[in-house]
C-alpha atoms as a PDB file:
ATOM      1  CA  MET A   1      87.546  -5.707  40.455  1.00  0.00           C
ATOM      2  CA  GLN A   2      91.371  -5.573  40.599  1.00  0.00           C
ATOM      3  CA  CYS A   3      93.362  -8.540  38.991  1.00  0.00           C
ATOM      4  CA  ARG A   4      94.244 -11.163  41.412  1.00  0.00           C
ATOM      5  CA  GLU A   5      97.932 -11.382  42.299  1.00  0.00           C
ATOM      6  CA  GLY A   6      99.624 -14.401  40.867  1.00  0.00           C
ATOM      7  CA  CYS A   7      96.632 -15.391  38.779  1.00  0.00           C
ATOM      8  CA  GLY A   8      97.406 -15.007  34.966  1.00  0.00           C
ATOM      9  CA  ALA A   9      94.193 -17.024  34.083  1.00  0.00           C
ATOM     10  CA  CYS A  10      93.352 -14.507  31.334  1.00  0.00           C
ATOM     11  CA  CYS A  11      96.799 -15.050  29.765  1.00  0.00           C
ATOM     12  CA  ILE A  12      96.409 -18.728  29.678  1.00  0.00           C
ATOM     13  CA  ALA A  13      92.748 -19.955  29.150  1.00  0.00           C
ATOM     14  CA  PRO A  14      91.534 -17.868  26.078  1.00  0.00           C
ATOM     15  CA  SER A  15      92.784 -18.302  22.624  1.00  0.00           C
ATOM     16  CA  ILE A  16      94.043 -15.516  20.587  1.00  0.00           C
ATOM     17  CA  ALA A  17      93.413 -16.141  16.932  1.00  0.00           C
ATOM     18  CA  ARG A  18      95.533 -13.095  15.438  1.00  0.00           C
ATOM     19  CA  PRO A  19      99.306 -13.087  15.467  1.00  0.00           C
ATOM     20  CA  TYR A  20     100.945 -10.654  17.942  1.00  0.00           C
ATOM     21  CA  HIS A  21     104.277  -9.667  19.117  1.00  0.00           C
ATOM     22  CA  GLY A  22     106.317 -12.657  20.128  1.00  0.00           C
ATOM     23  CA  MET A  23     103.416 -15.037  19.104  1.00  0.00           C
ATOM     24  CA  PRO A  24     103.237 -15.175  15.431  1.00  0.00           C
ATOM     25  CA  LEU A  25     100.699 -17.911  15.224  1.00  0.00           C
ATOM     26  CA  GLY A  26      98.571 -16.318  17.977  1.00  0.00           C
ATOM     27  CA  LYS A  27      97.827 -18.347  21.074  1.00  0.00           C
ATOM     28  CA  ALA A  28      95.747 -21.565  21.531  1.00  0.00           C
ATOM     29  CA  ALA A  29      93.439 -21.899  24.437  1.00  0.00           C
ATOM     30  CA  GLY A  30      95.205 -23.241  27.474  1.00  0.00           C
ATOM     31  CA  GLU A  31      98.613 -22.103  26.159  1.00  0.00           C
ATOM     32  CA  ARG A  32     100.548 -19.905  28.407  1.00  0.00           C
ATOM     33  CA  CYS A  33     101.298 -16.409  26.648  1.00  0.00           C
ATOM     34  CA  ALA A  34     104.994 -15.888  25.995  1.00  0.00           C
ATOM     35  CA  HIS A  35     104.598 -12.484  27.807  1.00  0.00           C
ATOM     36  CA  LEU A  36     103.461 -13.858  31.029  1.00  0.00           C
ATOM     37  CA  ASP A  37     106.290 -13.658  33.637  1.00  0.00           C
ATOM     38  CA  GLU A  38     107.044 -15.918  36.438  1.00  0.00           C
ATOM     39  CA  ASN A  39     104.914 -13.780  38.674  1.00  0.00           C
ATOM     40  CA  MET A  40     101.936 -14.248  36.307  1.00  0.00           C
ATOM     41  CA  ARG A  41     101.986 -10.574  35.226  1.00  0.00           C
ATOM     42  CA  CYS A  42     101.823  -9.447  31.650  1.00  0.00           C
ATOM     43  CA  LEU A  43     105.146  -8.117  30.281  1.00  0.00           C
ATOM     44  CA  LEU A  44     103.279  -6.124  27.668  1.00  0.00           C
ATOM     45  CA  PHE A  45     100.941  -4.345  30.090  1.00  0.00           C
ATOM     46  CA  GLY A  46     100.565  -0.782  28.728  1.00  0.00           C
ATOM     47  CA  ASP A  47     102.696  -1.630  25.601  1.00  0.00           C
ATOM     48  CA  PRO A  48     101.080  -0.875  22.258  1.00  0.00           C
ATOM     49  CA  ARG A  49     102.107  -4.331  21.041  1.00  0.00           C
ATOM     50  CA  ARG A  50      99.667  -5.927  23.525  1.00  0.00           C
ATOM     51  CA  PRO A  51      96.683  -7.632  21.711  1.00  0.00           C
ATOM     52  CA  LEU A  52      93.521  -5.717  21.609  1.00  0.00           C
ATOM     53  CA  PHE A  53      91.749  -8.685  23.107  1.00  0.00           C
ATOM     54  CA  CYS A  54      94.036  -8.379  26.340  1.00  0.00           C
ATOM     55  CA  SER A  55      93.806  -4.664  26.487  1.00  0.00           C
ATOM     56  CA  THR A  56      90.040  -4.856  26.661  1.00  0.00           C
ATOM     57  CA  PHE A  57      89.786  -7.628  29.063  1.00  0.00           C
ATOM     58  CA  ALA A  58      88.201  -6.468  32.316  1.00  0.00           C
ATOM     59  CA  ALA A  59      88.679  -8.507  35.473  1.00  0.00           C
ATOM     60  CA  GLU A  60      85.234  -9.025  37.039  1.00  0.00           C
ATOM     61  CA  PRO A  61      83.743 -11.580  39.381  1.00  0.00           C
ATOM     62  CA  ALA A  62      81.808 -13.409  36.710  1.00  0.00           C
ATOM     63  CA  VAL A  63      84.927 -14.444  34.777  1.00  0.00           C
ATOM     64  CA  CYS A  64      87.457 -14.341  37.535  1.00  0.00           C
ATOM     65  CA  GLY A  65      85.545 -16.214  40.207  1.00  0.00           C
ATOM     66  CA  GLU A  66      86.922 -16.697  43.714  1.00  0.00           C
ATOM     67  CA  SER A  67      90.356 -18.091  42.760  1.00  0.00           C
ATOM     68  CA  ARG A  68      92.909 -18.567  40.195  1.00  0.00           C
ATOM     69  CA  GLU A  69      91.611 -22.206  39.575  1.00  0.00           C
ATOM     70  CA  GLN A  70      88.021 -21.035  39.256  1.00  0.00           C
ATOM     71  CA  ALA A  71      89.052 -18.240  36.838  1.00  0.00           C
ATOM     72  CA  LEU A  72      90.847 -20.985  34.782  1.00  0.00           C
ATOM     73  CA  ARG A  73      87.782 -23.053  34.702  1.00  0.00           C
ATOM     74  CA  ILE A  74      85.268 -20.274  33.772  1.00  0.00           C
ATOM     75  CA  LEU A  75      87.502 -18.852  31.159  1.00  0.00           C
ATOM     76  CA  ALA A  76      87.928 -22.339  29.478  1.00  0.00           C
ATOM     77  CA  GLU A  77      84.258 -22.753  29.554  1.00  0.00           C
ATOM     78  CA  LEU A  78      83.762 -19.244  27.908  1.00  0.00           C
ATOM     79  CA  GLU A  79      86.319 -20.344  25.292  1.00  0.00           C
ATOM     80  CA  VAL A  80      84.234 -23.413  24.240  1.00  0.00           C
ATOM     81  CA  LEU A  81      80.901 -21.586  24.269  1.00  0.00           C
ATOM     82  CA  THR A  82      82.160 -18.901  22.078  1.00  0.00           C
ATOM     83  CA  GLN A  83      83.581 -21.011  19.489  1.00  0.00           C
ATOM     84  CA  PRO A  84      81.686 -21.116  16.108  1.00  0.00           C
ATOM     85  CA  ALA A  85      79.754 -24.417  15.687  1.00  0.00           C
ATOM     86  CA  ALA A  86      81.164 -26.750  13.168  1.00  0.00           C
ATOM     87  CA  GLY A  87      79.046 -26.586   9.860  1.00  0.00           C
ATOM     88  CA  MET A  88      77.633 -23.290  10.747  1.00  0.00           C
ATOM     89  CA  PRO A  89      77.988 -20.493   8.193  1.00  0.00           C
ATOM     90  CA  GLY A  90      81.189 -18.698   8.646  1.00  0.00           C
ATOM     91  CA  SER A  91      82.572 -21.468  10.809  1.00  0.00           C
ATOM     92  CA  GLY A  92      84.880 -22.781   8.096  1.00  0.00           C
ATOM     93  CA  GLY A  93      83.524 -26.196   8.898  1.00  0.00           C
END
């Protein structure tokens, strides 16, 4: 699947815990990446400073859905589902 023009959901919905170029604290879930341009395109695409998380993301119907709005919802749900449970070993809680 090709990325949907004007989407950018993968640059907004997920969190990135590690610092990266231009975002020294990483990125919180739902926060727009500093490198997402006005056309919802990644300005670090192909750049070695692009986070590994972003470089390995693959657009596919299961996460991108049928629209930008659906992609934002699916990715936000996946963000919650993949967070460590509070009080679990290794969760810091």
